N, C-alpha and C. Protein backbone atom coordinates (compact mmCIF):
# COMPACT_ATOMS: atom_id res chain seq x y z
N MET A 1 22.66 -7.21 -1.95
CA MET A 1 21.68 -6.97 -0.77
C MET A 1 20.38 -6.49 -1.31
N ILE A 2 19.34 -6.96 -0.53
CA ILE A 2 17.96 -6.48 -1.06
C ILE A 2 17.76 -5.09 -0.65
N ASP A 3 16.99 -4.25 -1.54
CA ASP A 3 16.71 -2.96 -1.34
C ASP A 3 15.57 -2.96 -0.39
N ARG A 4 15.81 -2.75 0.93
CA ARG A 4 14.65 -3.00 1.84
C ARG A 4 13.59 -1.94 1.72
N ARG A 5 14.01 -0.66 1.53
CA ARG A 5 13.09 0.32 1.31
C ARG A 5 12.11 0.12 0.20
N ARG A 6 12.61 -0.40 -0.89
CA ARG A 6 11.78 -0.64 -2.11
C ARG A 6 10.85 -1.78 -1.87
N LEU A 7 11.27 -2.76 -1.12
CA LEU A 7 10.45 -3.88 -0.82
C LEU A 7 9.40 -3.46 0.25
N THR A 8 9.71 -2.66 1.06
CA THR A 8 8.64 -2.13 1.99
C THR A 8 7.54 -1.30 1.25
N LEU A 9 8.07 -0.50 0.36
CA LEU A 9 7.08 0.37 -0.27
C LEU A 9 6.17 -0.48 -1.29
N ALA A 10 6.71 -1.64 -1.68
CA ALA A 10 5.82 -2.56 -2.51
C ALA A 10 4.78 -3.16 -1.71
N LEU A 11 5.09 -3.53 -0.36
CA LEU A 11 4.06 -4.08 0.53
C LEU A 11 2.97 -3.03 0.76
N LEU A 12 3.51 -1.77 1.04
CA LEU A 12 2.40 -0.78 1.35
C LEU A 12 1.55 -0.35 0.31
N ALA A 13 2.21 -0.38 -0.88
CA ALA A 13 1.30 0.07 -2.11
C ALA A 13 0.26 -0.98 -2.45
N ALA A 14 0.72 -2.29 -2.33
CA ALA A 14 -0.33 -3.34 -2.58
C ALA A 14 -1.40 -3.33 -1.42
N ALA A 15 -1.02 -3.12 -0.25
CA ALA A 15 -1.99 -3.15 0.84
C ALA A 15 -3.09 -2.17 0.67
N ALA A 16 -2.80 -1.00 -0.08
CA ALA A 16 -3.70 -0.02 -0.30
C ALA A 16 -4.56 -0.16 -1.56
N ALA A 17 -4.14 -1.10 -2.28
CA ALA A 17 -4.86 -1.10 -3.71
C ALA A 17 -6.24 -1.82 -3.69
N GLY A 18 -6.49 -2.78 -2.86
CA GLY A 18 -7.68 -3.59 -3.04
C GLY A 18 -8.96 -2.87 -3.00
N PRO A 19 -9.29 -2.10 -1.99
CA PRO A 19 -10.58 -1.42 -1.93
C PRO A 19 -10.72 -0.28 -3.03
N ALA A 20 -9.61 0.27 -3.45
CA ALA A 20 -9.73 1.24 -4.48
C ALA A 20 -9.93 0.69 -5.83
N LEU A 21 -10.01 -0.57 -6.10
CA LEU A 21 -10.24 -1.30 -7.27
C LEU A 21 -11.69 -0.95 -7.80
N ALA A 22 -12.53 -0.48 -7.03
CA ALA A 22 -13.86 -0.16 -7.38
C ALA A 22 -13.87 1.05 -8.33
N GLN A 23 -12.62 1.60 -8.53
CA GLN A 23 -12.55 2.73 -9.47
C GLN A 23 -12.32 2.26 -10.94
N ALA A 24 -12.84 1.13 -11.22
CA ALA A 24 -12.64 0.56 -12.65
C ALA A 24 -13.15 1.54 -13.62
N PRO A 25 -12.49 1.73 -14.87
CA PRO A 25 -13.00 2.59 -15.81
C PRO A 25 -14.20 2.00 -16.45
N ALA A 26 -15.08 2.75 -17.16
CA ALA A 26 -16.23 2.31 -17.76
C ALA A 26 -15.97 1.27 -18.92
N ARG A 27 -14.72 1.27 -19.50
CA ARG A 27 -14.56 0.40 -20.54
C ARG A 27 -14.40 -1.12 -20.17
N LEU A 28 -14.34 -1.36 -18.85
CA LEU A 28 -14.27 -2.89 -18.48
C LEU A 28 -15.59 -3.54 -18.90
N ALA A 29 -15.32 -4.69 -19.45
CA ALA A 29 -16.46 -5.60 -19.81
C ALA A 29 -17.21 -6.00 -18.55
N PRO A 30 -18.48 -6.26 -18.57
CA PRO A 30 -19.23 -6.55 -17.44
C PRO A 30 -18.73 -7.76 -16.78
N ALA A 31 -18.26 -8.80 -17.41
CA ALA A 31 -17.66 -9.88 -16.76
C ALA A 31 -16.44 -9.57 -15.97
N ASP A 32 -15.58 -8.65 -16.51
CA ASP A 32 -14.35 -8.11 -15.80
C ASP A 32 -14.73 -7.33 -14.64
N GLN A 33 -15.80 -6.47 -14.72
CA GLN A 33 -16.26 -5.70 -13.58
C GLN A 33 -16.75 -6.67 -12.48
N ALA A 34 -17.46 -7.71 -12.90
CA ALA A 34 -17.92 -8.63 -11.86
C ALA A 34 -16.76 -9.26 -11.00
N LEU A 35 -15.61 -9.49 -11.77
CA LEU A 35 -14.49 -10.01 -10.95
C LEU A 35 -13.92 -8.97 -10.03
N VAL A 36 -13.86 -7.74 -10.50
CA VAL A 36 -13.42 -6.71 -9.67
C VAL A 36 -14.24 -6.55 -8.43
N ASP A 37 -15.54 -6.60 -8.63
CA ASP A 37 -16.49 -6.37 -7.61
C ASP A 37 -16.33 -7.56 -6.50
N ARG A 38 -16.08 -8.70 -7.04
CA ARG A 38 -15.87 -9.84 -6.11
C ARG A 38 -14.66 -9.73 -5.31
N ALA A 39 -13.57 -9.26 -5.94
CA ALA A 39 -12.30 -9.01 -5.31
C ALA A 39 -12.43 -7.96 -4.18
N VAL A 40 -13.15 -6.93 -4.51
CA VAL A 40 -13.27 -5.81 -3.62
C VAL A 40 -14.04 -6.24 -2.29
N ALA A 41 -15.24 -6.98 -2.59
CA ALA A 41 -15.99 -7.47 -1.50
C ALA A 41 -15.09 -8.37 -0.54
N TYR A 42 -14.38 -9.35 -1.21
CA TYR A 42 -13.45 -10.16 -0.46
C TYR A 42 -12.45 -9.42 0.42
N LEU A 43 -11.83 -8.45 -0.12
CA LEU A 43 -10.70 -7.74 0.61
C LEU A 43 -11.38 -6.91 1.73
N GLU A 44 -12.52 -6.29 1.40
CA GLU A 44 -13.20 -5.59 2.49
C GLU A 44 -13.59 -6.40 3.60
N GLY A 45 -13.83 -7.69 3.39
CA GLY A 45 -14.20 -8.68 4.37
C GLY A 45 -13.18 -9.17 5.24
N LEU A 46 -11.96 -8.75 4.94
CA LEU A 46 -10.81 -9.30 5.74
C LEU A 46 -10.55 -8.38 6.87
N SER A 47 -11.40 -8.36 7.92
CA SER A 47 -11.22 -7.49 9.03
C SER A 47 -9.90 -7.85 9.90
N GLN A 48 -9.73 -9.12 9.91
CA GLN A 48 -8.37 -9.66 10.48
C GLN A 48 -7.83 -10.71 9.57
N ALA A 49 -6.58 -10.75 9.34
CA ALA A 49 -6.01 -11.73 8.52
C ALA A 49 -4.52 -11.91 8.67
N LYS A 50 -4.00 -13.08 8.33
CA LYS A 50 -2.57 -13.25 8.43
C LYS A 50 -2.04 -14.16 7.32
N ALA A 51 -0.80 -14.13 7.12
CA ALA A 51 -0.26 -14.90 5.92
C ALA A 51 1.34 -14.79 6.10
N HIS A 52 1.98 -15.76 5.31
CA HIS A 52 3.38 -15.72 5.15
C HIS A 52 3.51 -15.16 3.69
N PHE A 53 4.63 -14.55 3.38
CA PHE A 53 4.89 -14.11 2.10
C PHE A 53 6.28 -14.30 1.53
N VAL A 54 6.45 -14.40 0.32
CA VAL A 54 7.78 -14.53 -0.32
C VAL A 54 7.87 -13.40 -1.27
N GLN A 55 8.79 -12.66 -1.21
CA GLN A 55 9.03 -11.33 -1.94
C GLN A 55 10.30 -11.40 -2.82
N VAL A 56 10.23 -11.16 -4.13
CA VAL A 56 11.37 -11.26 -4.96
C VAL A 56 11.41 -10.00 -5.89
N ASP A 57 12.61 -9.42 -5.99
CA ASP A 57 12.72 -8.27 -6.83
C ASP A 57 13.14 -8.75 -8.27
N GLY A 58 13.36 -7.62 -9.10
CA GLY A 58 13.75 -7.99 -10.51
C GLY A 58 15.01 -8.59 -10.76
N ARG A 59 15.92 -8.58 -9.72
CA ARG A 59 17.14 -9.36 -9.82
C ARG A 59 17.15 -10.69 -9.22
N GLY A 60 15.96 -11.07 -8.82
CA GLY A 60 15.79 -12.36 -8.18
C GLY A 60 16.20 -12.55 -6.65
N ARG A 61 16.46 -11.43 -6.09
CA ARG A 61 16.77 -11.43 -4.62
C ARG A 61 15.50 -11.60 -3.91
N GLN A 62 15.52 -12.40 -2.85
CA GLN A 62 14.38 -12.90 -2.17
C GLN A 62 14.39 -12.56 -0.66
N ALA A 63 13.11 -12.19 -0.13
CA ALA A 63 12.96 -12.01 1.28
C ALA A 63 11.66 -12.77 1.61
N THR A 64 11.55 -13.23 2.80
CA THR A 64 10.35 -13.80 3.41
C THR A 64 9.81 -13.24 4.61
N GLY A 65 8.61 -13.36 5.09
CA GLY A 65 8.19 -12.77 6.23
C GLY A 65 6.77 -13.09 6.55
N SER A 66 6.17 -12.53 7.48
CA SER A 66 4.78 -12.71 7.92
C SER A 66 3.93 -11.44 7.95
N LEU A 67 2.75 -11.56 7.53
CA LEU A 67 1.81 -10.39 7.45
C LEU A 67 0.65 -10.59 8.33
N TYR A 68 0.27 -9.50 9.14
CA TYR A 68 -0.78 -9.54 9.92
C TYR A 68 -1.66 -8.23 9.66
N LEU A 69 -3.01 -8.38 9.54
CA LEU A 69 -3.86 -7.16 9.35
C LEU A 69 -5.01 -7.14 10.35
N LYS A 70 -5.33 -6.01 10.87
CA LYS A 70 -6.51 -5.88 11.70
C LYS A 70 -7.04 -4.48 11.45
N ARG A 71 -8.19 -4.51 10.69
CA ARG A 71 -8.85 -3.26 10.34
C ARG A 71 -9.83 -2.88 11.44
N PRO A 72 -9.94 -1.53 11.86
CA PRO A 72 -9.30 -0.47 11.17
C PRO A 72 -7.93 -0.18 11.76
N GLY A 73 -7.04 0.21 10.88
CA GLY A 73 -5.88 0.95 11.23
C GLY A 73 -4.48 0.17 11.45
N LYS A 74 -4.62 -1.12 11.63
CA LYS A 74 -3.51 -1.80 12.23
C LYS A 74 -2.93 -2.96 11.08
N ALA A 75 -1.70 -3.03 11.03
CA ALA A 75 -1.02 -3.98 10.11
C ALA A 75 0.42 -4.16 10.66
N ARG A 76 0.96 -5.36 10.36
CA ARG A 76 2.37 -5.75 10.63
C ARG A 76 2.94 -6.49 9.51
N PHE A 77 4.03 -6.10 9.04
CA PHE A 77 4.88 -6.74 8.06
C PHE A 77 6.24 -7.10 8.71
N ALA A 78 6.48 -8.34 9.03
CA ALA A 78 7.71 -8.76 9.75
C ALA A 78 8.52 -9.66 8.75
N TYR A 79 9.60 -9.09 8.39
CA TYR A 79 10.57 -9.97 7.58
C TYR A 79 11.30 -10.93 8.46
N ASP A 80 11.59 -12.15 7.92
CA ASP A 80 12.40 -13.21 8.56
C ASP A 80 13.90 -12.80 8.57
N PRO A 81 14.62 -13.32 9.51
CA PRO A 81 16.11 -13.08 9.56
C PRO A 81 16.70 -13.62 8.21
N PRO A 82 17.71 -13.04 7.76
CA PRO A 82 18.60 -11.95 8.40
C PRO A 82 18.09 -10.54 8.13
N SER A 83 16.91 -10.35 7.50
CA SER A 83 16.59 -8.92 7.07
C SER A 83 16.57 -7.97 8.18
N GLY A 84 15.83 -8.29 9.21
CA GLY A 84 15.79 -7.25 10.37
C GLY A 84 14.79 -6.20 10.18
N LEU A 85 14.03 -6.29 9.11
CA LEU A 85 13.03 -5.15 8.87
C LEU A 85 11.61 -5.50 9.42
N LEU A 86 11.00 -4.47 10.09
CA LEU A 86 9.81 -4.66 10.60
C LEU A 86 8.94 -3.40 10.30
N VAL A 87 7.66 -3.53 9.79
CA VAL A 87 6.82 -2.46 9.46
C VAL A 87 5.52 -2.62 10.28
N VAL A 88 5.15 -1.56 11.04
CA VAL A 88 3.91 -1.80 11.91
C VAL A 88 3.10 -0.60 11.88
N SER A 89 1.83 -0.60 11.59
CA SER A 89 0.83 0.41 11.83
C SER A 89 -0.01 0.23 12.93
N ASP A 90 0.02 1.10 13.87
CA ASP A 90 -0.65 1.03 15.18
C ASP A 90 -2.05 1.71 15.16
N GLY A 91 -2.39 2.18 13.96
CA GLY A 91 -3.77 2.88 13.98
C GLY A 91 -3.62 4.33 13.76
N ALA A 92 -2.47 4.82 14.04
CA ALA A 92 -2.21 6.28 13.85
C ALA A 92 -0.94 6.60 13.18
N THR A 93 0.10 5.72 13.41
CA THR A 93 1.49 5.85 12.87
C THR A 93 1.93 4.57 12.26
N VAL A 94 2.71 4.67 11.17
CA VAL A 94 3.49 3.65 10.55
C VAL A 94 4.84 3.70 10.89
N ASN A 95 5.34 2.70 11.64
CA ASN A 95 6.74 2.69 12.15
C ASN A 95 7.51 1.60 11.36
N VAL A 96 8.76 2.05 10.90
CA VAL A 96 9.66 1.14 10.14
C VAL A 96 10.92 0.97 10.92
N ALA A 97 11.23 -0.17 11.40
CA ALA A 97 12.44 -0.38 12.08
C ALA A 97 13.27 -1.41 11.36
N ASP A 98 14.63 -1.11 11.25
CA ASP A 98 15.54 -2.02 10.63
C ASP A 98 16.68 -2.27 11.62
N ALA A 99 16.63 -3.54 12.07
CA ALA A 99 17.52 -3.87 13.22
C ALA A 99 19.01 -3.87 12.68
N ARG A 100 19.20 -4.29 11.44
CA ARG A 100 20.51 -4.42 10.85
C ARG A 100 21.14 -2.96 10.69
N LEU A 101 20.28 -2.07 10.24
CA LEU A 101 20.81 -0.71 10.05
C LEU A 101 20.73 0.15 11.26
N LYS A 102 19.96 -0.37 12.32
CA LYS A 102 19.74 0.36 13.58
C LYS A 102 19.04 1.67 13.29
N SER A 103 18.06 1.54 12.32
CA SER A 103 17.35 2.73 11.93
C SER A 103 15.77 2.56 12.42
N PHE A 104 15.14 3.65 12.57
CA PHE A 104 13.76 3.78 12.93
C PHE A 104 13.10 5.07 12.31
N GLU A 105 11.97 4.88 11.51
CA GLU A 105 11.33 5.89 10.93
C GLU A 105 9.78 5.84 11.20
N SER A 106 9.16 6.96 11.28
CA SER A 106 7.78 6.93 11.60
C SER A 106 7.02 7.92 10.60
N TYR A 107 5.88 7.43 10.20
CA TYR A 107 5.04 8.30 9.16
C TYR A 107 3.62 8.29 9.67
N PRO A 108 2.84 9.38 9.63
CA PRO A 108 1.39 9.41 9.90
C PRO A 108 0.77 8.43 8.97
N LEU A 109 -0.06 7.67 9.50
CA LEU A 109 -0.84 6.65 8.76
C LEU A 109 -1.45 7.28 7.56
N GLY A 110 -2.04 8.45 7.74
CA GLY A 110 -2.79 9.18 6.68
C GLY A 110 -1.96 9.55 5.59
N MET A 111 -0.68 9.60 5.74
CA MET A 111 0.27 9.96 4.63
C MET A 111 0.82 8.74 3.90
N THR A 112 0.37 7.55 4.28
CA THR A 112 0.91 6.31 3.58
C THR A 112 -0.28 5.69 2.87
N PRO A 113 0.05 4.72 1.86
CA PRO A 113 -0.98 4.01 1.14
C PRO A 113 -1.75 3.11 2.09
N LEU A 114 -1.21 2.81 3.19
CA LEU A 114 -1.90 1.79 4.05
C LEU A 114 -3.19 2.48 4.62
N SER A 115 -3.37 3.83 4.57
CA SER A 115 -4.44 4.47 5.23
C SER A 115 -5.77 4.16 4.48
N LEU A 116 -5.66 3.96 3.17
CA LEU A 116 -6.87 3.61 2.39
C LEU A 116 -7.40 2.29 2.86
N PHE A 117 -6.54 1.23 2.85
CA PHE A 117 -6.97 -0.10 3.07
C PHE A 117 -7.42 -0.26 4.50
N LEU A 118 -6.78 0.41 5.46
CA LEU A 118 -6.97 0.21 6.84
C LEU A 118 -8.08 1.03 7.51
N ALA A 119 -8.60 1.96 6.62
CA ALA A 119 -9.61 2.88 7.22
C ALA A 119 -10.96 2.12 7.59
N ARG A 120 -11.50 2.68 8.62
CA ARG A 120 -12.86 2.10 9.05
C ARG A 120 -13.82 2.27 7.94
N ASN A 121 -13.97 3.46 7.29
CA ASN A 121 -14.84 3.59 6.13
C ASN A 121 -13.85 3.88 4.82
N ILE A 122 -13.77 2.94 4.00
CA ILE A 122 -13.00 2.84 2.84
C ILE A 122 -13.48 3.92 1.84
N ARG A 123 -12.68 4.80 1.41
CA ARG A 123 -13.08 5.82 0.42
C ARG A 123 -12.69 5.15 -1.05
N LEU A 124 -13.53 5.37 -1.92
CA LEU A 124 -13.40 4.81 -3.31
C LEU A 124 -13.19 5.88 -4.37
N ASP A 125 -12.88 7.16 -3.80
CA ASP A 125 -12.61 8.23 -4.80
C ASP A 125 -11.07 8.60 -4.98
N ARG A 126 -10.27 7.78 -4.60
CA ARG A 126 -8.89 7.99 -4.74
C ARG A 126 -8.11 6.64 -4.98
N GLY A 127 -6.83 6.70 -5.23
CA GLY A 127 -6.04 5.49 -5.36
C GLY A 127 -5.80 4.94 -6.73
N VAL A 128 -6.00 3.76 -7.00
CA VAL A 128 -5.61 3.26 -8.32
C VAL A 128 -6.86 3.00 -9.18
N GLN A 129 -6.58 2.84 -10.58
CA GLN A 129 -7.55 2.66 -11.53
C GLN A 129 -7.33 1.38 -12.25
N VAL A 130 -8.35 0.51 -12.35
CA VAL A 130 -8.20 -0.70 -13.04
C VAL A 130 -8.07 -0.49 -14.52
N THR A 131 -7.01 -1.14 -15.15
CA THR A 131 -6.93 -0.99 -16.68
C THR A 131 -7.26 -2.29 -17.32
N SER A 132 -7.19 -3.53 -16.66
CA SER A 132 -7.57 -4.72 -17.37
C SER A 132 -7.70 -5.79 -16.33
N VAL A 133 -8.36 -6.92 -16.77
CA VAL A 133 -8.45 -8.13 -15.91
C VAL A 133 -8.01 -9.21 -16.85
N THR A 134 -7.11 -10.09 -16.32
CA THR A 134 -6.64 -11.25 -17.05
C THR A 134 -6.95 -12.52 -16.24
N ARG A 135 -7.25 -13.57 -17.09
CA ARG A 135 -7.73 -14.73 -16.50
C ARG A 135 -6.72 -15.92 -16.62
N ALA A 136 -6.63 -16.81 -15.63
CA ALA A 136 -5.78 -18.10 -15.81
C ALA A 136 -6.49 -19.12 -15.23
N ALA A 137 -6.00 -20.34 -15.51
CA ALA A 137 -6.65 -21.58 -15.01
C ALA A 137 -7.04 -21.56 -13.55
N GLU A 138 -6.09 -21.00 -12.79
CA GLU A 138 -6.17 -21.16 -11.37
C GLU A 138 -6.89 -19.80 -10.72
N GLY A 139 -7.22 -18.76 -11.53
CA GLY A 139 -7.78 -17.65 -10.93
C GLY A 139 -7.67 -16.39 -11.94
N PHE A 140 -7.43 -15.20 -11.41
CA PHE A 140 -7.49 -14.05 -12.33
C PHE A 140 -6.51 -12.99 -11.66
N THR A 141 -6.17 -12.00 -12.58
CA THR A 141 -5.28 -10.92 -12.09
C THR A 141 -5.88 -9.68 -12.51
N ILE A 142 -5.98 -8.66 -11.60
CA ILE A 142 -6.50 -7.30 -11.81
C ILE A 142 -5.34 -6.29 -11.92
N ASN A 143 -5.27 -5.72 -13.07
CA ASN A 143 -4.10 -4.88 -13.41
C ASN A 143 -4.63 -3.36 -13.22
N ALA A 144 -3.70 -2.60 -12.56
CA ALA A 144 -4.08 -1.26 -12.22
C ALA A 144 -2.87 -0.22 -12.21
N ARG A 145 -3.28 0.96 -12.24
CA ARG A 145 -2.24 2.11 -12.36
C ARG A 145 -2.74 3.19 -11.41
N ASP A 146 -1.86 4.23 -11.10
CA ASP A 146 -2.28 5.26 -10.30
C ASP A 146 -3.42 6.07 -10.94
N GLY A 147 -4.51 6.11 -10.22
CA GLY A 147 -5.77 6.68 -10.76
C GLY A 147 -5.64 8.21 -10.98
N ARG A 148 -4.68 8.85 -10.23
CA ARG A 148 -4.46 10.27 -10.44
C ARG A 148 -3.34 10.52 -11.48
N ARG A 149 -2.72 9.56 -12.01
CA ARG A 149 -1.64 9.67 -13.06
C ARG A 149 -0.48 10.45 -12.46
N GLN A 150 -0.16 10.40 -11.18
CA GLN A 150 0.92 11.05 -10.58
C GLN A 150 2.17 10.20 -10.65
N THR A 151 2.04 8.91 -10.86
CA THR A 151 3.16 8.12 -11.01
C THR A 151 3.01 7.16 -12.24
N ALA A 152 4.16 6.65 -12.74
CA ALA A 152 4.10 5.80 -13.95
C ALA A 152 4.04 4.35 -13.61
N GLY A 153 4.06 3.92 -12.36
CA GLY A 153 4.11 2.55 -11.95
C GLY A 153 2.74 1.86 -12.19
N ARG A 154 2.81 0.54 -12.03
CA ARG A 154 1.66 -0.32 -12.28
C ARG A 154 1.56 -1.34 -11.08
N LEU A 155 0.51 -1.90 -10.87
CA LEU A 155 0.15 -2.89 -9.90
C LEU A 155 -0.67 -4.00 -10.42
N SER A 156 -0.36 -5.20 -10.05
CA SER A 156 -1.20 -6.25 -10.56
C SER A 156 -1.43 -7.19 -9.26
N LEU A 157 -2.80 -7.34 -8.92
CA LEU A 157 -3.16 -8.22 -7.84
C LEU A 157 -3.69 -9.50 -8.42
N THR A 158 -3.21 -10.62 -7.91
CA THR A 158 -3.61 -11.95 -8.32
C THR A 158 -4.38 -12.74 -7.34
N PHE A 159 -5.49 -13.29 -7.87
CA PHE A 159 -6.43 -14.03 -6.88
C PHE A 159 -6.60 -15.36 -7.36
N ALA A 160 -6.63 -16.28 -6.45
CA ALA A 160 -7.02 -17.72 -6.72
C ALA A 160 -8.39 -17.99 -6.37
N GLU A 161 -8.90 -19.03 -7.10
CA GLU A 161 -10.22 -19.18 -6.93
C GLU A 161 -10.47 -20.54 -6.08
N ALA A 162 -11.73 -20.83 -5.71
CA ALA A 162 -12.09 -22.05 -5.05
C ALA A 162 -11.29 -22.47 -3.79
N PRO A 163 -11.31 -21.70 -2.73
CA PRO A 163 -12.09 -20.48 -2.57
C PRO A 163 -11.40 -19.22 -3.06
N LEU A 164 -12.07 -18.08 -3.17
CA LEU A 164 -11.40 -16.83 -3.58
C LEU A 164 -10.42 -16.39 -2.44
N ARG A 165 -9.24 -16.10 -2.86
CA ARG A 165 -8.23 -15.54 -1.99
C ARG A 165 -7.19 -14.77 -2.69
N LEU A 166 -6.68 -13.77 -2.04
CA LEU A 166 -5.53 -12.95 -2.60
C LEU A 166 -4.34 -13.87 -2.58
N ALA A 167 -3.69 -14.05 -3.80
CA ALA A 167 -2.52 -14.95 -3.92
C ALA A 167 -1.19 -14.14 -3.88
N GLY A 168 -1.31 -12.86 -4.24
CA GLY A 168 -0.05 -12.13 -4.36
C GLY A 168 -0.29 -10.85 -5.22
N TRP A 169 0.84 -10.11 -5.48
CA TRP A 169 0.75 -8.99 -6.32
C TRP A 169 2.13 -8.67 -6.85
N THR A 170 2.25 -7.86 -7.94
CA THR A 170 3.39 -7.41 -8.48
C THR A 170 3.36 -5.91 -8.60
N VAL A 171 4.30 -5.25 -8.08
CA VAL A 171 4.45 -3.71 -8.24
C VAL A 171 5.50 -3.52 -9.33
N THR A 172 5.20 -2.78 -10.33
CA THR A 172 6.17 -2.39 -11.38
C THR A 172 6.39 -0.87 -11.24
N ASP A 173 7.70 -0.48 -11.02
CA ASP A 173 7.92 0.99 -10.95
C ASP A 173 8.08 1.65 -12.31
N ALA A 174 8.38 3.01 -12.19
CA ALA A 174 8.44 3.80 -13.43
C ALA A 174 9.49 3.31 -14.37
N GLN A 175 10.48 2.73 -13.90
CA GLN A 175 11.60 2.13 -14.65
C GLN A 175 11.42 0.74 -15.21
N GLY A 176 10.17 0.15 -14.91
CA GLY A 176 9.92 -1.12 -15.39
C GLY A 176 10.41 -2.27 -14.59
N ARG A 177 10.91 -1.97 -13.29
CA ARG A 177 11.47 -2.84 -12.45
C ARG A 177 10.31 -3.59 -11.53
N ASN A 178 10.28 -4.93 -11.50
CA ASN A 178 9.21 -5.53 -10.84
C ASN A 178 9.59 -6.04 -9.35
N THR A 179 8.75 -5.86 -8.43
CA THR A 179 8.73 -6.43 -7.07
C THR A 179 7.55 -7.41 -7.00
N GLN A 180 7.81 -8.68 -6.81
CA GLN A 180 6.69 -9.72 -6.71
C GLN A 180 6.59 -10.22 -5.39
N VAL A 181 5.33 -10.24 -4.89
CA VAL A 181 5.00 -10.76 -3.57
C VAL A 181 4.05 -11.99 -3.82
N ARG A 182 4.32 -13.13 -3.10
CA ARG A 182 3.53 -14.30 -3.23
C ARG A 182 3.06 -14.56 -1.79
N LEU A 183 1.71 -14.71 -1.57
CA LEU A 183 1.18 -15.03 -0.30
C LEU A 183 0.99 -16.56 -0.25
N LEU A 184 1.54 -17.15 0.80
CA LEU A 184 1.51 -18.59 0.81
C LEU A 184 0.21 -19.14 1.38
N ASP A 185 -0.40 -18.37 2.40
CA ASP A 185 -1.54 -19.02 3.16
C ASP A 185 -2.34 -17.90 3.76
N LEU A 186 -2.77 -16.85 2.96
CA LEU A 186 -3.50 -15.82 3.49
C LEU A 186 -4.93 -16.40 3.95
N ALA A 187 -5.26 -16.01 5.16
CA ALA A 187 -6.55 -16.52 5.63
C ALA A 187 -7.06 -15.63 6.72
N PRO A 188 -8.46 -15.57 6.95
CA PRO A 188 -8.99 -14.77 7.98
C PRO A 188 -8.36 -15.23 9.42
N ALA A 189 -8.33 -14.30 10.22
CA ALA A 189 -7.85 -14.61 11.63
C ALA A 189 -8.75 -14.05 12.70
N SER A 190 -8.59 -14.48 13.94
CA SER A 190 -9.38 -13.86 14.98
C SER A 190 -8.52 -13.73 16.21
N ASP A 191 -8.81 -12.68 17.05
CA ASP A 191 -8.17 -12.50 18.32
C ASP A 191 -6.58 -12.40 18.28
N LEU A 192 -6.20 -11.60 17.18
CA LEU A 192 -4.76 -11.34 17.05
C LEU A 192 -4.27 -10.62 18.28
N ASP A 193 -3.05 -10.89 18.67
CA ASP A 193 -2.45 -10.31 19.81
C ASP A 193 -2.28 -8.81 19.61
N PRO A 194 -2.76 -7.92 20.42
CA PRO A 194 -2.70 -6.41 20.17
C PRO A 194 -1.21 -6.06 20.18
N GLY A 195 -0.33 -6.87 20.91
CA GLY A 195 1.05 -6.45 20.81
C GLY A 195 1.71 -6.52 19.44
N LEU A 196 1.08 -7.30 18.50
CA LEU A 196 1.53 -7.31 17.24
C LEU A 196 1.61 -6.00 16.56
N PHE A 197 0.77 -5.09 16.92
CA PHE A 197 0.55 -3.79 16.33
C PHE A 197 1.18 -2.65 17.06
N VAL A 198 2.13 -2.96 17.96
CA VAL A 198 2.78 -2.00 18.74
C VAL A 198 4.43 -2.03 18.38
N LEU A 199 4.83 -0.92 17.97
CA LEU A 199 6.28 -0.84 17.70
C LEU A 199 6.83 0.48 18.09
N LYS A 200 7.77 0.46 19.12
CA LYS A 200 8.41 1.73 19.63
C LYS A 200 9.89 1.82 19.26
N ASP A 201 10.34 3.00 19.07
CA ASP A 201 11.62 3.28 18.76
C ASP A 201 12.65 2.66 19.91
N PRO A 202 13.40 1.60 19.47
CA PRO A 202 14.31 0.91 20.54
C PRO A 202 15.57 1.69 20.75
N ARG A 203 15.82 2.68 20.01
CA ARG A 203 17.09 3.42 20.29
C ARG A 203 17.06 4.34 21.40
N PRO A 204 18.15 4.58 22.19
CA PRO A 204 18.19 5.57 23.14
C PRO A 204 17.65 6.87 22.67
N LYS A 205 16.97 7.75 23.42
CA LYS A 205 16.37 8.85 22.97
C LYS A 205 17.34 9.97 22.43
N ASN A 206 18.55 9.99 23.01
CA ASN A 206 19.49 10.98 22.60
C ASN A 206 20.09 10.61 21.17
N VAL A 207 20.04 9.28 20.72
CA VAL A 207 20.51 8.81 19.49
C VAL A 207 19.42 9.35 18.50
N GLY A 208 18.14 9.14 18.71
CA GLY A 208 17.17 9.67 17.87
C GLY A 208 17.25 11.14 17.56
N ARG A 209 17.46 11.98 18.67
CA ARG A 209 17.62 13.39 18.56
C ARG A 209 18.83 13.82 17.83
N ALA A 210 19.88 13.06 17.93
CA ALA A 210 21.14 13.36 17.20
C ALA A 210 20.92 13.37 15.72
N ARG A 211 19.96 12.49 15.24
CA ARG A 211 19.90 12.18 13.79
C ARG A 211 18.86 13.13 13.14
N MET A 212 18.22 13.84 13.99
CA MET A 212 17.13 14.68 13.45
C MET A 212 17.75 16.01 12.83
C-alpha cells in the first residue's frame, strides 16, 4: 500500500520550493545562477496552472492524479482512484481528506510549506538553499536542501527546455528514500473553477468531535 501521508508531504514540499530557490549560495557559478533565476521567474509567473502527475516512491509504488494551482493561496492535489486522497488549500487552510480511511485533517496554510509558494508576496528569506545545478540534454535539475538545516532531506526540481517548464521533482528524506513526481503536462490555466479549491469535512460533526 502506498504511504499516502508521505506522498502528500512530498507534494507540499515541492510546491514550496520554487520561489525559495533564489536563496542560492554564493558558490554557484554565474551560468548556474542564471538557470536558477530563470526557474524562479517561470514559477512565479504561474498564477494559475494545471497538470497531471505520476508519483513513485522508493519501492516503485505508483499513484497518479491532477494538480491545480491558483495564486495567491489556492491549490488542489487530487489523486486518482483507488487512492481516495485529496489535498486542497482554500487560501487560509490546507485540508486533507482520505475517502478510503474516512479521515479529514486541517492545517493553517501558514504552517505548511505551501504558504511560501502560494503567498501573494513571496518571501525569499526562508525555505530551501540551492546546492548545485545539473544539466541534461532535455533540460536541467536544481538540487536543494533545507536552508535552515533543520532537516536532512533533499529536493531536486527538474525543468525541461523549449519551452521552459517544470517537469517534476524528487524528494529525498533523511533516510535516503526517494519520492519522485513527474508532471505530464503542466501548463498555465485561466478561469479555474473556484469550487476546485473548496473542501469541507464530509463526516458528521459528531464523528469529528469524537476523534478530537
